Amino acid sequence: MPLHLERINWMSSPPLAPDDGPIDFEHLSRMTLGDPALEREVLTMFATQSAKLLDRLAALPPEAGALAHTLKGSARAIGAFAVAEAAAGLETALAQAGDAGPGAEAALDGLRDAVAAAQGAIEAFLRRG
């Protein structure tokens, strides 16, 4: 039986964690089905939620791992992959230290920086109208 060769037009897959900015707006558009109003709503909610979670994480309470996990999931959903990675780093530091040790403090600082960058990108996006 002869093999039949077909020409297949390949499409490249989007990167899993692009590094072209604090928010992957193409990912966000896919997640919101290209609805600009929904994009704005989701970004506004993320900006508010991430600020509240950072406030709660400041003291590294016993539930810090769960809070970081929540932030990681929200960040991945909107394309804030640097925030998700930093939140995962905090989760790991907390799990390894078993409490709020120096590794957790450093990871929290990294998370603060990532959230600040994402919030800056969100503010710029929302100002564009």
N, C-alpha and C. Protein backbone atom coordinates (compact mmCIF):
# COMPACT_ATOMS: atom_id res chain seq x y z
N MET A 1 0.84 -1.16 0.00
CA MET A 1 0.00 0.00 0.00
C MET A 1 0.90 1.24 0.00
N PRO A 2 0.75 2.10 -0.98
CA PRO A 2 1.61 3.28 -1.07
C PRO A 2 1.20 4.35 -0.05
N LEU A 3 2.17 5.08 0.39
CA LEU A 3 1.91 6.20 1.30
C LEU A 3 1.50 7.42 0.48
N HIS A 4 0.51 8.11 0.96
CA HIS A 4 0.09 9.34 0.30
C HIS A 4 0.58 10.51 1.13
N LEU A 5 1.26 11.37 0.45
CA LEU A 5 1.76 12.56 1.15
C LEU A 5 0.84 13.73 0.85
N GLU A 6 0.51 14.42 1.87
CA GLU A 6 -0.32 15.61 1.73
C GLU A 6 0.45 16.82 2.21
N ARG A 7 0.20 17.90 1.56
CA ARG A 7 0.81 19.14 2.04
C ARG A 7 -0.09 19.70 3.15
N ILE A 8 0.51 19.97 4.27
CA ILE A 8 -0.22 20.51 5.41
C ILE A 8 0.33 21.90 5.69
N ASN A 9 -0.57 22.84 5.76
CA ASN A 9 -0.17 24.20 6.11
C ASN A 9 -0.14 24.31 7.63
N TRP A 10 1.04 24.48 8.17
CA TRP A 10 1.21 24.53 9.60
C TRP A 10 1.02 25.95 10.10
N MET A 11 0.42 26.04 11.25
CA MET A 11 0.31 27.32 11.94
C MET A 11 1.15 27.22 13.19
N SER A 12 1.89 28.26 13.46
CA SER A 12 2.70 28.22 14.66
C SER A 12 1.80 28.40 15.88
N SER A 13 2.17 27.75 16.95
CA SER A 13 1.43 27.88 18.21
C SER A 13 1.91 29.12 18.93
N PRO A 14 1.02 29.73 19.70
CA PRO A 14 1.49 30.88 20.49
C PRO A 14 2.43 30.40 21.58
N PRO A 15 3.35 31.25 21.98
CA PRO A 15 4.27 30.84 23.04
C PRO A 15 3.51 30.60 24.34
N LEU A 16 4.04 29.70 25.17
CA LEU A 16 3.40 29.41 26.44
C LEU A 16 3.55 30.56 27.42
N ALA A 17 4.67 31.21 27.41
CA ALA A 17 4.90 32.33 28.32
C ALA A 17 5.69 33.40 27.59
N PRO A 18 5.01 34.22 26.80
CA PRO A 18 5.74 35.24 26.04
C PRO A 18 6.39 36.25 26.98
N ASP A 19 7.48 36.85 26.50
CA ASP A 19 8.19 37.79 27.35
C ASP A 19 8.22 39.18 26.72
N ASP A 20 7.15 39.54 26.04
CA ASP A 20 7.14 40.83 25.36
C ASP A 20 6.40 41.91 26.14
N GLY A 21 6.13 41.68 27.38
CA GLY A 21 5.49 42.70 28.20
C GLY A 21 4.83 42.07 29.40
N PRO A 22 4.38 42.91 30.33
CA PRO A 22 3.77 42.38 31.55
C PRO A 22 2.43 41.70 31.32
N ILE A 23 1.73 42.06 30.23
CA ILE A 23 0.45 41.44 29.90
C ILE A 23 0.53 40.97 28.45
N ASP A 24 0.17 39.73 28.20
CA ASP A 24 0.06 39.22 26.84
C ASP A 24 -1.35 39.52 26.36
N PHE A 25 -1.49 40.63 25.62
CA PHE A 25 -2.82 41.08 25.21
C PHE A 25 -3.44 40.17 24.15
N GLU A 26 -2.62 39.44 23.40
CA GLU A 26 -3.18 38.46 22.46
C GLU A 26 -3.84 37.31 23.24
N HIS A 27 -3.19 36.86 24.28
CA HIS A 27 -3.75 35.81 25.14
C HIS A 27 -5.06 36.31 25.76
N LEU A 28 -5.04 37.52 26.28
CA LEU A 28 -6.23 38.10 26.88
C LEU A 28 -7.37 38.15 25.86
N SER A 29 -7.07 38.54 24.65
CA SER A 29 -8.10 38.62 23.61
C SER A 29 -8.69 37.24 23.32
N ARG A 30 -7.84 36.23 23.30
CA ARG A 30 -8.35 34.86 23.08
C ARG A 30 -9.24 34.43 24.23
N MET A 31 -8.85 34.76 25.45
CA MET A 31 -9.62 34.35 26.63
C MET A 31 -10.96 35.08 26.72
N THR A 32 -11.04 36.28 26.16
CA THR A 32 -12.27 37.06 26.22
C THR A 32 -13.02 37.03 24.90
N LEU A 33 -12.60 36.13 24.01
CA LEU A 33 -13.23 35.96 22.69
C LEU A 33 -13.26 37.27 21.91
N GLY A 34 -12.23 38.08 22.09
CA GLY A 34 -12.10 39.33 21.35
C GLY A 34 -13.08 40.42 21.75
N ASP A 35 -13.70 40.29 22.89
CA ASP A 35 -14.68 41.28 23.35
C ASP A 35 -13.95 42.39 24.13
N PRO A 36 -13.81 43.58 23.53
CA PRO A 36 -13.06 44.66 24.20
C PRO A 36 -13.65 45.07 25.55
N ALA A 37 -14.96 45.07 25.67
CA ALA A 37 -15.58 45.45 26.95
C ALA A 37 -15.23 44.43 28.02
N LEU A 38 -15.24 43.15 27.66
CA LEU A 38 -14.88 42.11 28.61
C LEU A 38 -13.41 42.18 28.98
N GLU A 39 -12.54 42.50 28.01
CA GLU A 39 -11.12 42.67 28.30
C GLU A 39 -10.93 43.74 29.37
N ARG A 40 -11.59 44.88 29.19
CA ARG A 40 -11.47 45.99 30.14
C ARG A 40 -11.98 45.57 31.53
N GLU A 41 -13.11 44.87 31.55
CA GLU A 41 -13.68 44.42 32.82
C GLU A 41 -12.74 43.46 33.55
N VAL A 42 -12.21 42.51 32.82
CA VAL A 42 -11.32 41.51 33.41
C VAL A 42 -10.03 42.17 33.92
N LEU A 43 -9.47 43.08 33.14
CA LEU A 43 -8.25 43.76 33.57
C LEU A 43 -8.50 44.61 34.81
N THR A 44 -9.64 45.28 34.86
CA THR A 44 -9.98 46.08 36.03
C THR A 44 -10.12 45.20 37.26
N MET A 45 -10.79 44.07 37.10
CA MET A 45 -10.94 43.14 38.22
C MET A 45 -9.60 42.60 38.68
N PHE A 46 -8.71 42.27 37.72
CA PHE A 46 -7.39 41.75 38.10
C PHE A 46 -6.58 42.80 38.84
N ALA A 47 -6.62 44.05 38.38
CA ALA A 47 -5.87 45.11 39.05
C ALA A 47 -6.33 45.26 40.51
N THR A 48 -7.64 45.21 40.71
CA THR A 48 -8.18 45.32 42.07
C THR A 48 -7.82 44.11 42.91
N GLN A 49 -8.03 42.93 42.35
CA GLN A 49 -7.74 41.69 43.09
C GLN A 49 -6.26 41.57 43.45
N SER A 50 -5.39 41.88 42.49
CA SER A 50 -3.96 41.72 42.76
C SER A 50 -3.50 42.69 43.85
N ALA A 51 -4.05 43.90 43.88
CA ALA A 51 -3.70 44.85 44.94
C ALA A 51 -4.16 44.34 46.30
N LYS A 52 -5.38 43.82 46.36
CA LYS A 52 -5.89 43.28 47.63
C LYS A 52 -5.07 42.08 48.11
N LEU A 53 -4.73 41.20 47.18
CA LEU A 53 -3.96 40.02 47.56
C LEU A 53 -2.56 40.41 48.03
N LEU A 54 -1.94 41.38 47.37
CA LEU A 54 -0.62 41.83 47.83
C LEU A 54 -0.69 42.43 49.23
N ASP A 55 -1.76 43.19 49.49
CA ASP A 55 -1.94 43.74 50.84
C ASP A 55 -2.01 42.61 51.88
N ARG A 56 -2.77 41.57 51.55
CA ARG A 56 -2.91 40.45 52.48
C ARG A 56 -1.61 39.66 52.61
N LEU A 57 -0.84 39.59 51.53
CA LEU A 57 0.41 38.84 51.55
C LEU A 57 1.53 39.57 52.28
N ALA A 58 1.39 40.86 52.50
CA ALA A 58 2.47 41.68 53.07
C ALA A 58 3.02 41.10 54.37
N ALA A 59 2.15 40.56 55.20
CA ALA A 59 2.59 39.99 56.48
C ALA A 59 2.92 38.50 56.38
N LEU A 60 2.84 37.96 55.17
CA LEU A 60 3.05 36.52 54.96
C LEU A 60 2.28 35.69 55.98
N PRO A 61 0.95 35.80 55.93
CA PRO A 61 0.11 35.06 56.88
C PRO A 61 0.16 33.56 56.60
N PRO A 62 -0.39 32.76 57.49
CA PRO A 62 -0.38 31.30 57.30
C PRO A 62 -1.01 30.86 55.97
N GLU A 63 -1.98 31.62 55.47
CA GLU A 63 -2.64 31.25 54.21
C GLU A 63 -1.96 31.87 52.99
N ALA A 64 -0.72 32.34 53.14
CA ALA A 64 0.00 33.00 52.05
C ALA A 64 0.14 32.11 50.82
N GLY A 65 0.36 30.82 51.02
CA GLY A 65 0.48 29.91 49.88
C GLY A 65 -0.79 29.86 49.06
N ALA A 66 -1.92 29.81 49.73
CA ALA A 66 -3.21 29.78 49.03
C ALA A 66 -3.47 31.11 48.32
N LEU A 67 -3.09 32.21 48.95
CA LEU A 67 -3.28 33.53 48.32
C LEU A 67 -2.41 33.65 47.07
N ALA A 68 -1.16 33.19 47.16
CA ALA A 68 -0.26 33.22 46.00
C ALA A 68 -0.80 32.34 44.89
N HIS A 69 -1.37 31.20 45.25
CA HIS A 69 -1.95 30.29 44.26
C HIS A 69 -3.13 30.95 43.54
N THR A 70 -3.96 31.64 44.28
CA THR A 70 -5.09 32.36 43.69
C THR A 70 -4.60 33.40 42.70
N LEU A 71 -3.59 34.16 43.09
CA LEU A 71 -3.05 35.19 42.22
C LEU A 71 -2.42 34.58 40.98
N LYS A 72 -1.74 33.46 41.15
CA LYS A 72 -1.11 32.77 40.02
C LYS A 72 -2.16 32.39 38.97
N GLY A 73 -3.28 31.82 39.40
CA GLY A 73 -4.32 31.42 38.47
C GLY A 73 -4.96 32.60 37.77
N SER A 74 -5.24 33.65 38.51
CA SER A 74 -5.83 34.85 37.91
C SER A 74 -4.89 35.47 36.88
N ALA A 75 -3.61 35.51 37.23
CA ALA A 75 -2.62 36.10 36.34
C ALA A 75 -2.51 35.30 35.04
N ARG A 76 -2.49 34.00 35.13
CA ARG A 76 -2.41 33.17 33.92
C ARG A 76 -3.64 33.39 33.04
N ALA A 77 -4.79 33.56 33.64
CA ALA A 77 -6.02 33.72 32.88
C ALA A 77 -6.00 34.98 32.01
N ILE A 78 -5.36 36.04 32.49
CA ILE A 78 -5.36 37.29 31.72
C ILE A 78 -4.09 37.48 30.90
N GLY A 79 -3.12 36.60 31.07
CA GLY A 79 -1.87 36.73 30.31
C GLY A 79 -0.79 37.50 31.04
N ALA A 80 -0.90 37.62 32.35
CA ALA A 80 0.14 38.27 33.16
C ALA A 80 1.11 37.18 33.62
N PHE A 81 1.87 36.66 32.68
CA PHE A 81 2.68 35.47 32.96
C PHE A 81 3.82 35.74 33.93
N ALA A 82 4.37 36.95 33.95
CA ALA A 82 5.43 37.26 34.91
C ALA A 82 4.87 37.27 36.33
N VAL A 83 3.64 37.75 36.50
CA VAL A 83 3.00 37.71 37.81
C VAL A 83 2.77 36.26 38.22
N ALA A 84 2.28 35.45 37.29
CA ALA A 84 2.04 34.04 37.59
C ALA A 84 3.33 33.34 38.01
N GLU A 85 4.41 33.63 37.31
CA GLU A 85 5.70 33.00 37.63
C GLU A 85 6.19 33.46 39.01
N ALA A 86 6.03 34.75 39.30
CA ALA A 86 6.46 35.27 40.61
C ALA A 86 5.59 34.69 41.73
N ALA A 87 4.30 34.54 41.49
CA ALA A 87 3.42 33.94 42.49
C ALA A 87 3.79 32.48 42.72
N ALA A 88 4.13 31.78 41.65
CA ALA A 88 4.57 30.39 41.78
C ALA A 88 5.87 30.33 42.58
N GLY A 89 6.75 31.30 42.37
CA GLY A 89 8.00 31.37 43.14
C GLY A 89 7.74 31.57 44.62
N LEU A 90 6.75 32.39 44.93
CA LEU A 90 6.40 32.59 46.33
C LEU A 90 5.82 31.31 46.93
N GLU A 91 4.96 30.65 46.16
CA GLU A 91 4.40 29.37 46.63
C GLU A 91 5.51 28.38 46.97
N THR A 92 6.48 28.28 46.07
CA THR A 92 7.59 27.36 46.26
C THR A 92 8.43 27.75 47.47
N ALA A 93 8.72 29.03 47.60
CA ALA A 93 9.52 29.49 48.74
C ALA A 93 8.82 29.20 50.05
N LEU A 94 7.52 29.40 50.09
CA LEU A 94 6.76 29.12 51.31
C LEU A 94 6.75 27.63 51.62
N ALA A 95 6.60 26.81 50.59
CA ALA A 95 6.56 25.36 50.79
C ALA A 95 7.91 24.84 51.27
N GLN A 96 8.99 25.40 50.74
CA GLN A 96 10.33 24.94 51.12
C GLN A 96 10.72 25.40 52.51
N ALA A 97 10.35 26.63 52.84
CA ALA A 97 10.74 27.18 54.14
C ALA A 97 9.82 26.70 55.24
N GLY A 98 8.59 26.37 54.87
CA GLY A 98 7.63 25.97 55.87
C GLY A 98 7.05 27.14 56.63
N ASP A 99 7.62 28.31 56.45
CA ASP A 99 7.08 29.52 57.08
C ASP A 99 7.60 30.73 56.30
N ALA A 100 7.50 31.87 56.89
CA ALA A 100 7.91 33.11 56.23
C ALA A 100 9.39 33.38 56.47
N GLY A 101 10.25 32.69 55.76
CA GLY A 101 11.69 32.88 55.89
C GLY A 101 12.19 33.91 54.90
N PRO A 102 13.52 34.09 54.85
CA PRO A 102 14.09 35.10 53.95
C PRO A 102 13.81 34.82 52.47
N GLY A 103 13.72 33.55 52.11
CA GLY A 103 13.38 33.21 50.72
C GLY A 103 11.99 33.67 50.35
N ALA A 104 11.07 33.56 51.29
CA ALA A 104 9.71 34.00 51.04
C ALA A 104 9.65 35.52 50.91
N GLU A 105 10.43 36.23 51.72
CA GLU A 105 10.47 37.70 51.63
C GLU A 105 10.98 38.14 50.27
N ALA A 106 12.04 37.50 49.80
CA ALA A 106 12.60 37.83 48.48
C ALA A 106 11.60 37.52 47.37
N ALA A 107 10.92 36.38 47.50
CA ALA A 107 9.92 36.01 46.49
C ALA A 107 8.75 36.99 46.50
N LEU A 108 8.36 37.45 47.68
CA LEU A 108 7.29 38.44 47.79
C LEU A 108 7.71 39.76 47.13
N ASP A 109 8.95 40.15 47.31
CA ASP A 109 9.44 41.36 46.64
C ASP A 109 9.36 41.21 45.12
N GLY A 110 9.73 40.06 44.61
CA GLY A 110 9.63 39.80 43.17
C GLY A 110 8.19 39.85 42.70
N LEU A 111 7.29 39.33 43.50
CA LEU A 111 5.87 39.36 43.15
C LEU A 111 5.36 40.81 43.13
N ARG A 112 5.78 41.59 44.10
CA ARG A 112 5.38 43.01 44.12
C ARG A 112 5.81 43.72 42.84
N ASP A 113 7.04 43.46 42.42
CA ASP A 113 7.56 44.09 41.20
C ASP A 113 6.76 43.66 39.97
N ALA A 114 6.46 42.37 39.89
CA ALA A 114 5.71 41.86 38.73
C ALA A 114 4.30 42.42 38.70
N VAL A 115 3.66 42.51 39.85
CA VAL A 115 2.31 43.07 39.92
C VAL A 115 2.34 44.54 39.55
N ALA A 116 3.33 45.28 40.02
CA ALA A 116 3.43 46.70 39.68
C ALA A 116 3.57 46.90 38.17
N ALA A 117 4.38 46.07 37.53
CA ALA A 117 4.54 46.17 36.08
C ALA A 117 3.23 45.84 35.37
N ALA A 118 2.54 44.80 35.82
CA ALA A 118 1.27 44.43 35.20
C ALA A 118 0.23 45.52 35.40
N GLN A 119 0.18 46.10 36.60
CA GLN A 119 -0.78 47.16 36.86
C GLN A 119 -0.49 48.40 36.01
N GLY A 120 0.78 48.68 35.79
CA GLY A 120 1.15 49.79 34.91
C GLY A 120 0.67 49.56 33.49
N ALA A 121 0.85 48.33 33.01
CA ALA A 121 0.39 48.00 31.65
C ALA A 121 -1.13 48.05 31.57
N ILE A 122 -1.80 47.62 32.62
CA ILE A 122 -3.27 47.66 32.64
C ILE A 122 -3.75 49.11 32.62
N GLU A 123 -3.14 49.95 33.44
CA GLU A 123 -3.54 51.36 33.48
C GLU A 123 -3.36 52.01 32.11
N ALA A 124 -2.24 51.74 31.46
CA ALA A 124 -1.99 52.30 30.13
C ALA A 124 -3.03 51.81 29.12
N PHE A 125 -3.37 50.54 29.20
CA PHE A 125 -4.36 49.95 28.29
C PHE A 125 -5.73 50.59 28.52
N LEU A 126 -6.11 50.74 29.77
CA LEU A 126 -7.42 51.31 30.08
C LEU A 126 -7.51 52.79 29.71
N ARG A 127 -6.41 53.52 29.78
CA ARG A 127 -6.40 54.93 29.39
C ARG A 127 -6.61 55.11 27.90
N ARG A 128 -6.17 54.12 27.11
CA ARG A 128 -6.32 54.21 25.66
C ARG A 128 -7.77 54.22 25.23
N GLY A 129 -8.63 53.74 26.09
CA GLY A 129 -10.06 53.74 25.83
C GLY A 129 -10.43 52.78 24.82
